[in-house]
Amino acid sequence: MNEDAELEGRLRQAAELFDPVPESLLRVATGAYSFRTIDAELADLTFDSLAGPAPVRGGEQPRLLTFGGPGVSIDLEITLAGRVVGQVMPARQATVEVRGAAPRTVTTDGLGRFTIDGVPPGPFSVRCRVGDTVFTTEWVTV
């Protein structure tokens, strides 16, 4: 450890001890940080395979979802094994981020298709950037 890093560590400890960050400021800062994606439109859920009658055959059916954003939609197939397969429509290249316990970001192919493996059980949301358009889905559960 060099002298500068050691001095910085001591100064941090002194600041934490003698001038801690007020709890109210931490709450305000956390709230402000949550608005970092305020430019993203909230996509409307237009189809959910769980909303209809239960399937008669087969035990573990993937969940199918469709979200509609401003001039763009995204279809998702979510398996119990933690795989999310999707397509952005109209077909074009986009950046898709799965947000949750294990965030991942992928770029779609030219037809708007993508696959993300290893999404852990629990809630997640998808943020999609297509050119200047950004939208976010509501939280769904694997």
Foldseek 3Di string as FASTA:
>chain_A
DDPVVVVVVVVVVCCCVPPNDDPVVVVVVVVVVVCPVVQAAEWAWPDWPVVDDDDPDDDWAWIWTWTHDDVKIKIWTAGPQAKIKMFIPPFAWKWKWKDDPDIDIDIAPGRRIDMDHDHDFDWIKMWMGDPPHIHIYDIDTD
